[in-house]
């Protein structure tokens, strides 16, 4: 069998060079041979001005030793070589990259193009659809190609220490992105991140950012680390309090004169404020550390509540915990938050406080709720986003099905095994997270919610999906079926060409093989289509 038969996407003549043609800087044959076996190649610190052609073509060309008519043992057959998945070319003198990088479609780690002299990144980067990690730090990049957003599996993007003045808005559509490093650039403004719901760390230190608005924060529901030190921020938006997962917040060395008291409600482990002209918090409080600052901010919330109670007594009500409902905060954030209380019931006073207030988001996560509060239906004309994760829900009541403006629903980490047919009335629902529940079948009602763009149902016991019904979900672009009980993947699922992200790892099926899965969604769908019976 020839190597060309294994890779029909390439020109059958691609494996042959004209005799005597200059192939640029050389790489020791021993390294290339080892890379064909391991799938990994390390060329860091070799003073390279360009990447040798033999590297880009390692999976295409016949090895030199084969052309020398050498005999091969069963463990050295070149035609059974492993596709290159990890390439390290950091700390060289690269000024540009060849379009031939498209010849390495199986790459999952490109580490690192860091510490070179790159001024541009070719748009063909988008063809590396299997890439999980990309390090472009310490180069001379002034911009990033918008096509980078097509890397739908990319989880780690490092662009530290470049000359970036802007980030393409398309970055905000990278659904798998978890870590984004943009430190030490020349950024003045930020993009929005509407699809980056998996983003856990956002590093923006040492730029020239002057404004941080609600639009930059509202979709960062999974964010753990937000590093904004060394910028030119003058204020912090109230919407920062929406980031309930946030653990580390660095605001040091900015131009911030005051902080919203609502920050005190965050569960921060680290808060850095040094180097700001703060007028509302004494230095001795800041010097005592994060927990003392948060405690101080919470005390200011209580003071505000007392003042509101004195002036407008009918708008401040006592909860069972004897805390006060801050109507001003609810109105500002448009958020009804009663999360991480380990409560079995949501107090009526909390709902009473919303009667004259617009509420778009509800967060009742991390409690002990066994059923959805009935009074949630009172907010059916306004709520867009509901988080009921990490509770003890075993069924979905009809009240939730009446919230017909709902676009995002988080039900992960509950005890659910089915969904009611009435959920088909949620005609604006775009994202539903059902991960870590007890589903044994894919909920039938989801096939009938045509607006769904993302269905996350990993870590359940789902044994099958219906590809014919899935194909009719025309807006579905993300389907996460990881860690379920799928014994086989129906070939007809390949006809669901609307999918941009299909995650199948951790299931007991034998095909597609892991090597196919690593190549990304497009390759998996193509593989499945090729297996559809004629």
Protein backbone atom coordinates (compact mmCIF):
# COMPACT_ATOMS: atom_id res chain seq x y z
CA UNK A 1 0.00 0.00 0.00
CA UNK A 2 1.39 3.41 -0.87
CA UNK A 3 1.30 6.42 1.41
CA UNK A 4 -0.70 8.30 -1.24
CA UNK A 5 -3.61 5.91 -0.89
CA UNK A 6 -3.86 6.79 2.81
CA UNK A 7 -4.10 10.51 2.06
CA UNK A 8 -6.25 10.98 -1.08
CA UNK A 9 -6.76 14.67 -0.32
CA UNK A 10 -3.25 15.42 -1.65
CA UNK A 11 -1.92 15.36 -5.22
CA UNK A 12 -0.60 11.81 -5.84
CA UNK A 13 2.64 13.39 -7.02
CA UNK A 14 3.02 15.45 -3.84
CA UNK A 15 5.41 12.95 -2.27
CA UNK A 16 8.12 13.40 -4.88
CA UNK A 17 10.58 16.26 -5.29
CA UNK A 18 12.47 17.07 -8.43
CA UNK A 19 15.95 15.66 -8.13
CA UNK A 20 18.38 18.17 -6.73
CA UNK A 21 15.70 20.65 -5.67
CA UNK A 22 16.72 22.89 -2.72
CA UNK A 23 14.70 21.92 0.33
CA UNK A 24 16.02 24.63 2.64
CA UNK A 25 17.57 23.97 6.09
CA UNK A 26 17.92 20.32 6.96
CA UNK A 27 16.71 18.30 9.92
CA UNK A 28 18.61 15.23 11.12
CA UNK A 29 17.07 12.09 9.65
CA UNK A 30 17.09 10.49 13.10
CA UNK A 31 14.74 13.20 14.41
CA UNK A 32 12.38 12.76 11.47
CA UNK A 33 12.37 8.99 11.87
CA UNK A 34 11.57 9.30 15.58
CA UNK A 35 8.81 11.82 14.80
CA UNK A 36 7.18 9.42 12.33
CA UNK A 37 6.98 6.90 15.15
CA UNK A 38 5.97 9.19 18.05
CA UNK A 39 3.96 11.86 16.24
CA UNK A 40 6.05 14.56 17.98
CA UNK A 41 8.89 16.76 16.68
CA UNK A 42 10.94 19.25 18.72
CA UNK A 43 12.95 21.82 16.73
CA UNK A 44 13.18 24.49 19.42
CA UNK A 45 16.29 26.67 19.66
CA UNK A 46 17.89 25.55 16.37
CA UNK A 47 18.46 29.05 14.95
CA UNK A 48 16.07 28.34 12.07
CA UNK A 49 15.15 31.19 9.75
CA UNK A 50 12.42 29.08 8.17
CA UNK A 51 10.76 25.74 8.79
CA UNK A 52 12.36 23.10 6.54
CA UNK A 53 10.07 21.69 3.84
CA UNK A 54 10.72 18.17 5.08
CA UNK A 55 8.90 19.11 8.30
CA UNK A 56 5.74 20.36 6.60
CA UNK A 57 5.84 17.30 4.30
CA UNK A 58 6.71 14.67 6.91
CA UNK A 59 3.35 12.93 6.46
CA UNK A 60 3.42 13.25 2.67
CA UNK A 61 6.86 12.38 1.34
CA UNK A 62 8.42 8.93 1.24
CA UNK A 63 11.24 8.83 3.83
CA UNK A 64 14.76 9.10 2.52
CA UNK A 65 15.70 5.69 3.91
CA UNK A 66 12.90 4.10 1.87
CA UNK A 67 14.35 5.61 -1.34
CA UNK A 68 17.66 3.96 -0.41
CA UNK A 69 16.03 0.52 -0.69
CA UNK A 70 16.70 -0.31 2.94
CA UNK A 71 14.83 -3.20 4.49
CA UNK A 72 12.28 -2.44 7.19
CA UNK A 73 11.21 -4.48 10.15
CA UNK A 74 7.53 -4.73 11.04
CA UNK A 75 8.01 -1.97 13.60
CA UNK A 76 9.65 0.44 11.12
CA UNK A 77 7.36 0.32 8.10
CA UNK A 78 7.22 3.93 6.91
CA UNK A 79 3.78 3.52 5.39
CA UNK A 80 2.43 2.85 8.89
CA UNK A 81 3.91 6.05 10.31
CA UNK A 82 2.04 8.16 12.89
CA UNK A 83 0.70 11.53 11.75
CA UNK A 84 2.50 14.45 13.36
CA UNK A 85 0.35 15.76 16.22
CA UNK A 86 2.83 17.93 18.17
CA UNK A 87 5.35 20.36 16.65
CA UNK A 88 7.66 22.54 18.75
CA UNK A 89 9.51 25.27 16.83
CA UNK A 90 9.91 27.96 19.48
CA UNK A 91 12.98 30.15 20.08
CA UNK A 92 14.14 30.30 16.47
CA UNK A 93 14.35 33.20 13.99
CA UNK A 94 11.21 32.53 11.97
CA UNK A 95 9.85 35.61 10.17
CA UNK A 96 7.05 33.91 8.26
CA UNK A 97 5.27 30.59 7.90
CA UNK A 98 4.66 28.63 4.73
CA UNK A 99 1.16 27.84 3.51
CA UNK A 100 2.39 24.25 3.53
CA UNK A 101 1.42 24.03 7.18
CA UNK A 102 -1.90 22.81 5.77
CA UNK A 103 -0.10 19.51 5.12
CA UNK A 104 -0.20 18.76 8.87
CA UNK A 105 -3.96 18.52 9.51
CA UNK A 106 -3.54 16.17 12.50
CA UNK A 107 -1.61 18.73 14.60
CA UNK A 108 -3.14 19.22 18.03
CA UNK A 109 -0.27 21.22 19.58
CA UNK A 110 1.75 23.88 17.76
CA UNK A 111 4.15 25.03 20.53
CA UNK A 112 5.48 27.13 19.89
CA UNK A 113 5.89 29.40 17.41
CA UNK A 114 6.73 31.53 20.43
CA UNK A 115 9.91 33.63 20.65
CA UNK A 116 10.39 34.05 16.91
CA UNK A 117 10.12 37.07 14.61
CA UNK A 118 6.72 36.44 13.02
CA UNK A 119 4.95 39.55 11.71
CA UNK A 120 1.95 37.76 10.21
CA UNK A 121 0.06 34.51 10.55
CA UNK A 122 -1.25 32.91 7.34
CA UNK A 123 -4.99 32.49 6.97
CA UNK A 124 -4.34 28.82 6.21
CA UNK A 125 -3.94 28.34 9.95
CA UNK A 126 -7.68 27.74 9.92
CA UNK A 127 -7.05 24.42 8.14
CA UNK A 128 -5.42 23.04 11.30
CA UNK A 129 -8.84 21.99 12.55
CA UNK A 130 -7.48 19.50 15.12
CA UNK A 131 -5.32 22.06 16.90
CA UNK A 132 -5.96 22.28 20.65
CA UNK A 133 -3.10 24.58 21.67
CA UNK A 134 -1.48 27.45 19.77
CA UNK A 135 1.34 29.57 21.21
CA UNK A 136 2.22 32.73 19.24
CA UNK A 137 3.75 34.65 22.14
CA UNK A 138 6.85 36.85 21.87
CA UNK A 139 6.64 37.63 18.19
CA UNK A 140 5.95 40.84 16.22
CA UNK A 141 2.30 40.29 15.30
CA UNK A 142 0.22 43.43 14.74
CA UNK A 143 -2.99 41.53 13.98
CA UNK A 144 -4.51 38.09 13.91
CA UNK A 145 -6.37 36.66 10.91
CA UNK A 146 -10.14 36.46 11.37
CA UNK A 147 -9.88 32.90 10.03
CA UNK A 148 -8.33 31.81 13.34
CA UNK A 149 -11.90 31.51 14.64
CA UNK A 150 -12.40 28.45 12.43
CA UNK A 151 -10.23 26.42 14.80
CA UNK A 152 -13.27 25.08 16.56
CA UNK A 153 -11.33 22.69 18.81
CA UNK A 154 -8.75 25.24 19.99
CA UNK A 155 -8.68 25.47 23.79
CA UNK A 156 -5.48 27.42 24.50
CA UNK A 157 -4.44 30.53 22.55
CA UNK A 158 -1.35 32.44 23.72
CA UNK A 159 -0.59 35.77 22.01
CA UNK A 160 1.38 37.39 24.85
CA UNK A 161 4.14 39.90 24.06
CA UNK A 162 3.24 40.96 20.53
CA UNK A 163 2.20 44.27 18.95
CA UNK A 164 -1.54 43.61 18.71
CA UNK A 165 -3.69 46.74 18.63
CA UNK A 166 -6.97 44.90 18.08
CA UNK A 167 -8.38 41.40 18.32
CA UNK A 168 -10.73 40.29 15.53
CA UNK A 169 -14.35 40.03 16.73
CA UNK A 170 -14.39 36.50 15.30
CA UNK A 171 -12.37 35.34 18.33
CA UNK A 172 -15.57 35.76 20.32
CA UNK A 173 -17.10 32.85 18.41
CA UNK A 174 -14.49 30.28 19.45
CA UNK A 175 -16.71 27.97 21.47
CA UNK A 176 -14.01 25.61 22.79
CA UNK A 177 -11.60 28.33 23.95
CA UNK A 178 -10.65 27.92 27.63
CA UNK A 179 -7.44 29.96 28.02
CA UNK A 180 -6.73 33.26 26.21
CA UNK A 181 -3.47 35.16 26.80
CA UNK A 182 -3.16 38.70 25.39
CA UNK A 183 -0.72 40.27 27.87
CA UNK A 184 1.87 42.86 26.89
CA UNK A 185 0.29 44.06 23.66
CA UNK A 186 -1.15 47.44 22.58
CA UNK A 187 -4.85 46.71 22.96
CA UNK A 188 -7.17 49.64 23.60
CA UNK A 189 -10.50 47.87 23.21
CA UNK A 190 -11.74 44.34 23.66
CA UNK A 191 -14.02 42.19 21.54
CA UNK A 192 -17.16 40.67 22.96
CA UNK A 193 -17.19 36.96 23.71
CA UNK A 194 -20.74 35.82 22.88
CA UNK A 195 -19.84 32.15 22.26
CA UNK A 196 -16.91 31.72 24.67
CA UNK A 197 -18.94 30.03 27.39
CA UNK A 198 -16.05 27.66 28.16
CA UNK A 199 -13.49 30.46 28.72
CA UNK A 200 -11.87 29.96 32.12
CA UNK A 201 -8.90 32.35 32.01
CA UNK A 202 -8.62 35.74 30.27
CA UNK A 203 -5.24 37.45 30.63
CA UNK A 204 -5.12 41.10 29.46
CA UNK A 205 -2.39 42.60 31.63
CA UNK A 206 -0.12 45.42 30.44
CA UNK A 207 -2.18 46.80 27.59
CA UNK A 208 -3.85 50.19 27.10
CA UNK A 209 -7.47 49.22 27.75
CA UNK A 210 -9.52 52.19 28.93
CA UNK A 211 -12.99 50.73 29.24
CA UNK A 212 -14.54 47.47 30.41
CA UNK A 213 -18.27 47.25 29.76
CA UNK A 214 -21.12 44.88 30.46
CA UNK A 215 -20.94 43.65 26.87
CA UNK A 216 -17.44 42.30 27.52
CA UNK A 217 -18.47 40.34 30.61
CA UNK A 218 -22.01 39.09 30.15
CA UNK A 219 -21.13 35.81 28.42
CA UNK A 220 -18.14 34.81 30.57
CA UNK A 221 -20.09 32.42 32.77
CA UNK A 222 -17.23 29.96 33.33
CA UNK A 223 -14.46 32.52 33.94
CA UNK A 224 -12.13 31.72 36.85
CA UNK A 225 -9.25 34.14 36.25
CA UNK A 226 -9.49 37.70 34.91
CA UNK A 227 -6.19 39.59 34.74
CA UNK A 228 -6.51 43.32 33.92
CA UNK A 229 -3.47 44.72 35.70
CA UNK A 230 -1.45 47.50 34.14
CA UNK A 231 -4.13 49.02 31.93
CA UNK A 232 -5.92 52.41 31.93
CA UNK A 233 -9.26 51.42 33.40
CA UNK A 234 -11.08 54.20 35.26
CA UNK A 235 -14.03 52.17 36.51
CA UNK A 236 -15.33 48.65 37.06
CA UNK A 237 -18.85 47.86 35.82
CA UNK A 238 -21.52 46.57 38.18
CA UNK A 239 -21.88 43.60 35.82
CA UNK A 240 -18.61 42.24 37.20
CA UNK A 241 -20.76 40.78 39.97
CA UNK A 242 -22.38 38.48 37.39
CA UNK A 243 -19.16 36.45 37.17
CA UNK A 244 -20.10 34.06 39.95
CA UNK A 245 -17.38 31.55 39.06
CA UNK A 246 -14.60 34.15 39.27
CA UNK A 247 -11.81 33.24 41.70
CA UNK A 248 -8.92 35.58 40.79
CA UNK A 249 -9.35 39.22 39.76
CA UNK A 250 -6.32 41.46 39.20
CA UNK A 251 -7.12 45.17 38.81
CA UNK A 252 -3.79 46.51 40.05
CA UNK A 253 -2.03 49.49 38.44
CA UNK A 254 -5.01 51.06 36.71
CA UNK A 255 -6.77 54.44 37.19
CA UNK A 256 -9.70 53.13 39.25
CA UNK A 257 -11.01 55.54 41.88
CA UNK A 258 -13.96 53.49 43.19
CA UNK A 259 -15.34 49.96 43.16
CA UNK A 260 -18.94 48.72 42.94
CA UNK A 261 -19.96 47.33 46.31
CA UNK A 262 -21.52 44.34 44.54
CA UNK A 263 -17.99 42.92 44.10
CA UNK A 264 -18.28 41.92 47.74
CA UNK A 265 -20.74 39.19 46.71
CA UNK A 266 -18.18 37.43 44.55
CA UNK A 267 -16.42 34.32 45.89
CA UNK A 268 -12.93 35.61 45.14
CA UNK A 269 -9.82 33.91 46.44
CA UNK A 270 -7.57 36.70 45.17
CA UNK A 271 -8.27 40.38 44.49
CA UNK A 272 -5.42 42.76 43.59
CA UNK A 273 -6.07 46.53 43.82
CA UNK A 274 -2.63 48.03 44.43
CA UNK A 275 -1.55 51.00 42.33
CA UNK A 276 -5.02 52.55 41.91
CA UNK A 277 -6.15 56.00 43.16
CA UNK A 278 -8.96 54.44 45.20
CA UNK A 279 -10.88 56.95 47.31
CA UNK A 280 -13.59 54.70 48.72
CA UNK A 281 -11.40 52.04 50.40
CA UNK A 282 -8.70 52.88 52.91
CA UNK A 283 -5.22 51.57 52.24
CA UNK A 284 -5.07 49.70 55.53
CA UNK A 285 -8.11 47.66 54.45
CA UNK A 286 -6.49 46.80 51.12
CA UNK A 287 -3.30 45.86 52.95
CA UNK A 288 -5.21 43.24 54.98
CA UNK A 289 -5.94 41.22 51.86
CA UNK A 290 -8.76 39.94 49.70
CA UNK A 291 -11.21 38.71 52.33
CA UNK A 292 -11.08 41.94 54.33
CA UNK A 293 -11.76 43.97 51.17
CA UNK A 294 -14.72 41.77 50.26
CA UNK A 295 -16.03 42.02 53.81
CA UNK A 296 -15.76 45.81 53.65
CA UNK A 297 -17.62 45.95 50.33
CA UNK A 298 -20.39 43.75 51.72
CA UNK A 299 -20.71 46.08 54.70
CA UNK A 300 -21.20 48.98 52.29
CA UNK A 301 -24.02 47.04 50.62
CA UNK A 302 -25.69 46.74 54.03
CA UNK A 303 -25.23 50.47 54.60
CA UNK A 304 -26.89 51.16 51.25
CA UNK A 305 -29.76 48.88 52.19
CA UNK A 306 -30.22 50.69 55.47
CA UNK A 307 -30.27 54.04 53.70
CA UNK A 308 -32.79 52.73 51.18
CA UNK A 309 -34.89 51.37 54.01
CA UNK A 310 -34.90 54.77 55.73
CA UNK A 311 -35.96 56.66 52.61
CA UNK A 312 -38.20 54.10 50.86
CA UNK A 313 -39.20 51.53 53.48
CA UNK A 314 -41.62 49.65 51.25
CA UNK A 315 -38.85 48.49 48.88
CA UNK A 316 -36.59 46.79 51.42
CA UNK A 317 -37.71 43.42 52.72
CA UNK A 318 -36.25 40.95 55.16
CA UNK A 319 -35.28 37.47 54.02
CA UNK A 320 -35.27 34.49 56.40
CA UNK A 321 -31.52 34.95 56.78
CA UNK A 322 -32.24 38.52 57.94
CA UNK A 323 -30.34 39.83 54.93
CA UNK A 324 -31.92 42.66 52.98
CA UNK A 325 -32.99 42.59 49.35
CA UNK A 326 -31.06 45.29 47.53
CA UNK A 327 -33.55 46.38 44.89
CA UNK A 328 -31.06 48.86 43.49
CA UNK A 329 -28.56 46.06 42.83
CA UNK A 330 -31.24 43.84 41.29
CA UNK A 331 -32.31 46.66 39.01
CA UNK A 332 -28.75 47.51 37.99
CA UNK A 333 -27.63 43.95 37.23
CA UNK A 334 -31.03 42.67 36.07
CA UNK A 335 -30.07 39.52 37.93
CA UNK A 336 -32.02 37.50 40.48
CA UNK A 337 -29.24 35.70 42.33
CA UNK A 338 -29.70 33.22 45.14
CA UNK A 339 -26.82 30.87 44.39
CA UNK A 340 -24.48 28.81 46.55
CA UNK A 341 -26.82 28.93 49.58
CA UNK A 342 -27.46 25.16 49.90
CA UNK A 343 -31.11 26.18 50.20
CA UNK A 344 -34.05 23.82 49.63
CA UNK A 345 -36.42 26.71 48.87
CA UNK A 346 -36.12 30.14 47.28
CA UNK A 347 -37.59 32.79 49.68
CA UNK A 348 -40.79 34.51 48.54
CA UNK A 349 -39.31 37.86 49.51
CA UNK A 350 -36.80 37.48 46.70
CA UNK A 351 -39.57 37.21 44.13
CA UNK A 352 -41.53 40.01 45.79
CA UNK A 353 -38.58 42.32 45.21
CA UNK A 354 -38.83 41.87 41.43
CA UNK A 355 -42.38 43.11 40.93
CA UNK A 356 -41.31 46.50 39.61
CA UNK A 357 -37.94 45.44 38.22
CA UNK A 358 -36.78 44.04 34.89
CA UNK A 359 -35.02 40.69 35.43
CA UNK A 360 -33.23 38.99 32.50
CA UNK A 361 -31.08 36.45 34.37
CA UNK A 362 -31.76 34.00 37.21
CA UNK A 363 -29.03 32.15 39.11
CA UNK A 364 -30.26 29.55 41.61
CA UNK A 365 -27.25 27.25 41.17
CA UNK A 366 -25.45 25.34 43.93
CA UNK A 367 -28.45 24.80 46.19
CA UNK A 368 -30.47 21.77 47.27
CA UNK A 369 -33.55 22.41 45.13
CA UNK A 370 -35.63 19.31 44.39
CA UNK A 371 -38.10 21.22 42.23
CA UNK A 372 -38.18 24.45 40.27
CA UNK A 373 -39.76 27.32 42.26
CA UNK A 374 -43.35 27.84 41.08
CA UNK A 375 -43.04 31.62 41.26
CA UNK A 376 -40.46 31.58 38.50
CA UNK A 377 -43.41 31.82 36.13
CA UNK A 378 -43.95 35.41 37.31
CA UNK A 379 -40.85 36.35 35.30
CA UNK A 380 -41.89 34.63 32.07
CA UNK A 381 -42.15 37.86 30.09
CA UNK A 382 -38.55 38.93 30.69
CA UNK A 383 -36.11 36.15 31.66
CA UNK A 384 -33.58 35.11 29.00
CA UNK A 385 -31.04 33.14 31.03
CA UNK A 386 -31.56 30.59 33.85
CA UNK A 387 -28.91 28.70 35.81
CA UNK A 388 -30.26 25.80 37.90
CA UNK A 389 -27.07 23.74 37.89
CA UNK A 390 -25.74 21.80 40.89
CA UNK A 391 -29.11 21.11 42.51
CA UNK A 392 -31.18 17.95 43.08
CA UNK A 393 -33.76 18.30 40.33
CA UNK A 394 -35.20 14.98 39.12
CA UNK A 395 -37.95 16.47 36.94
CA UNK A 396 -38.79 19.68 35.10
CA UNK A 397 -42.08 21.31 36.09
CA UNK A 398 -44.43 23.00 33.64
CA UNK A 399 -43.61 26.43 35.10
CA UNK A 400 -40.24 26.44 33.38
CA UNK A 401 -41.86 25.58 30.05
CA UNK A 402 -43.82 28.83 30.19
CA UNK A 403 -40.71 31.02 30.01
CA UNK A 404 -40.97 31.42 26.27
CA UNK A 405 -38.28 34.10 25.96
CA UNK A 406 -35.63 31.81 27.42
CA UNK A 407 -32.44 31.56 25.33
CA UNK A 408 -30.00 29.86 27.75
CA UNK A 409 -30.77 27.07 30.23
CA UNK A 410 -28.19 25.43 32.49
CA UNK A 411 -29.39 22.20 34.14
CA UNK A 412 -26.08 20.37 34.55
CA UNK A 413 -25.26 18.35 37.66
CA UNK A 414 -28.79 17.38 38.64
CA UNK A 415 -30.68 14.04 38.72
CA UNK A 416 -32.62 14.41 35.46
CA UNK A 417 -33.39 11.40 33.25
CA UNK A 418 -36.04 12.95 30.98
CA UNK A 419 -37.48 16.25 29.77
CA UNK A 420 -41.20 17.05 29.39
CA UNK A 421 -42.76 17.42 25.95
CA UNK A 422 -43.98 20.87 27.00
CA UNK A 423 -40.43 22.16 26.59
CA UNK A 424 -41.10 22.37 22.86
CA UNK A 425 -42.81 25.68 23.67
CA UNK A 426 -39.37 27.21 24.40
CA UNK A 427 -39.17 28.50 20.85
CA UNK A 428 -36.25 30.87 21.47
CA UNK A 429 -33.98 28.49 23.36
CA UNK A 430 -30.46 28.51 21.90
CA UNK A 431 -28.30 26.68 24.46
CA UNK A 432 -29.13 23.90 26.90
CA UNK A 433 -26.62 22.25 29.23
CA UNK A 434 -27.67 18.80 30.49
CA UNK A 435 -24.22 17.46 31.36
CA UNK A 436 -23.73 15.27 34.45
CA UNK A 437 -27.31 14.02 34.74
CA UNK A 438 -28.87 10.57 34.29
CA UNK A 439 -30.15 10.58 30.72
CA UNK A 440 -30.10 7.16 29.02
CA UNK A 441 -31.63 8.43 25.77
CA UNK A 442 -31.29 11.71 23.94
CA UNK A 443 -34.38 13.73 25.01
CA UNK A 444 -36.91 13.51 22.17
CA UNK A 445 -38.26 17.01 22.75
CA UNK A 446 -34.91 18.59 21.87
CA UNK A 447 -35.26 17.48 18.26
CA UNK A 448 -38.32 19.74 18.02
CA UNK A 449 -36.71 22.93 19.35
CA UNK A 450 -35.50 24.28 16.03
CA UNK A 451 -33.75 27.32 17.54
CA UNK A 452 -31.22 25.23 19.47
CA UNK A 453 -27.62 26.09 18.61
CA UNK A 454 -25.81 24.12 21.34
CA UNK A 455 -26.79 20.91 23.14
CA UNK A 456 -24.36 19.87 25.89
CA UNK A 457 -25.23 16.43 27.21
CA UNK A 458 -21.86 14.97 28.18
CA UNK A 459 -21.31 12.63 31.13
CA UNK A 460 -24.66 10.88 30.98
CA UNK A 461 -25.62 7.37 29.82
CA UNK A 462 -27.00 8.20 26.39
CA UNK A 463 -26.92 5.10 24.18
CA UNK A 464 -28.11 6.44 20.83
CA UNK A 465 -29.09 9.49 18.78
CA UNK A 466 -31.42 9.81 15.80
CA UNK A 467 -29.43 11.28 12.89
CA UNK A 468 -32.50 11.87 10.73
CA UNK A 469 -34.14 14.06 13.38
CA UNK A 470 -30.80 15.67 14.23
CA UNK A 471 -30.40 16.76 10.61
CA UNK A 472 -33.63 18.77 10.89
CA UNK A 473 -32.11 20.88 13.71
CA UNK A 474 -30.80 23.39 11.18
CA UNK A 475 -29.35 25.84 13.74
CA UNK A 476 -27.48 23.24 15.78
CA UNK A 477 -23.75 23.95 15.58
CA UNK A 478 -22.48 22.38 18.82
CA UNK A 479 -23.26 18.86 20.06
CA UNK A 480 -21.35 17.52 23.07
CA UNK A 481 -21.88 13.78 23.59
CA UNK A 482 -18.64 13.06 25.43
CA UNK A 483 -18.51 10.32 28.09
CA UNK A 484 -21.78 8.57 27.32
CA UNK A 485 -22.66 4.96 26.39
CA UNK A 486 -22.68 5.22 22.59
CA UNK A 487 -21.74 1.79 21.23
CA UNK A 488 -21.90 3.01 17.65
CA UNK A 489 -22.13 6.29 15.76
CA UNK A 490 -24.69 6.12 12.93
CA UNK A 491 -23.02 7.03 9.60
CA UNK A 492 -26.02 9.21 8.74
CA UNK A 493 -24.88 11.64 11.45
CA UNK A 494 -22.34 12.74 8.85
CA UNK A 495 -25.19 14.44 6.98
CA UNK A 496 -25.56 16.93 9.85
CA UNK A 497 -23.29 19.37 8.03
CA UNK A 498 -24.56 22.26 10.16
CA UNK A 499 -22.42 20.97 13.06
CA UNK A 500 -19.24 22.94 13.65
CA UNK A 501 -18.37 21.18 16.91
CA UNK A 502 -19.13 17.49 17.48
CA UNK A 503 -17.56 15.98 20.61
CA UNK A 504 -17.64 12.18 20.93
CA UNK A 505 -14.63 11.27 23.11
CA UNK A 506 -15.10 8.91 26.05
CA UNK A 507 -17.71 6.61 24.46
CA UNK A 508 -17.30 2.82 24.02
CA UNK A 509 -17.69 2.77 20.19
CA UNK A 510 -14.80 1.43 18.11
CA UNK A 511 -15.25 3.58 15.02
CA UNK A 512 -14.46 6.33 14.25
CA UNK A 513 -11.03 5.65 15.71
CA UNK A 514 -9.35 8.17 18.02
CA UNK A 515 -7.07 9.29 15.18
CA UNK A 516 -10.14 10.38 13.19
CA UNK A 517 -11.69 12.15 16.19
CA UNK A 518 -8.48 14.11 16.71
CA UNK A 519 -8.77 15.58 13.22
CA UNK A 520 -11.85 17.54 14.21
CA UNK A 521 -15.53 17.79 13.41
CA UNK A 522 -15.27 18.23 9.64
CA UNK A 523 -13.09 15.12 9.32
CA UNK A 524 -15.43 13.05 11.52
CA UNK A 525 -18.50 14.07 9.52
CA UNK A 526 -16.73 13.29 6.25
CA UNK A 527 -15.65 9.91 7.59
CA UNK A 528 -19.22 9.09 8.64
CA UNK A 529 -20.67 10.16 5.28
CA UNK A 530 -18.22 7.88 3.50
CA UNK A 531 -19.63 4.94 5.48
CA UNK A 532 -23.28 5.54 4.56
CA UNK A 533 -24.47 2.47 2.59
CA UNK A 534 -25.00 3.18 -1.10
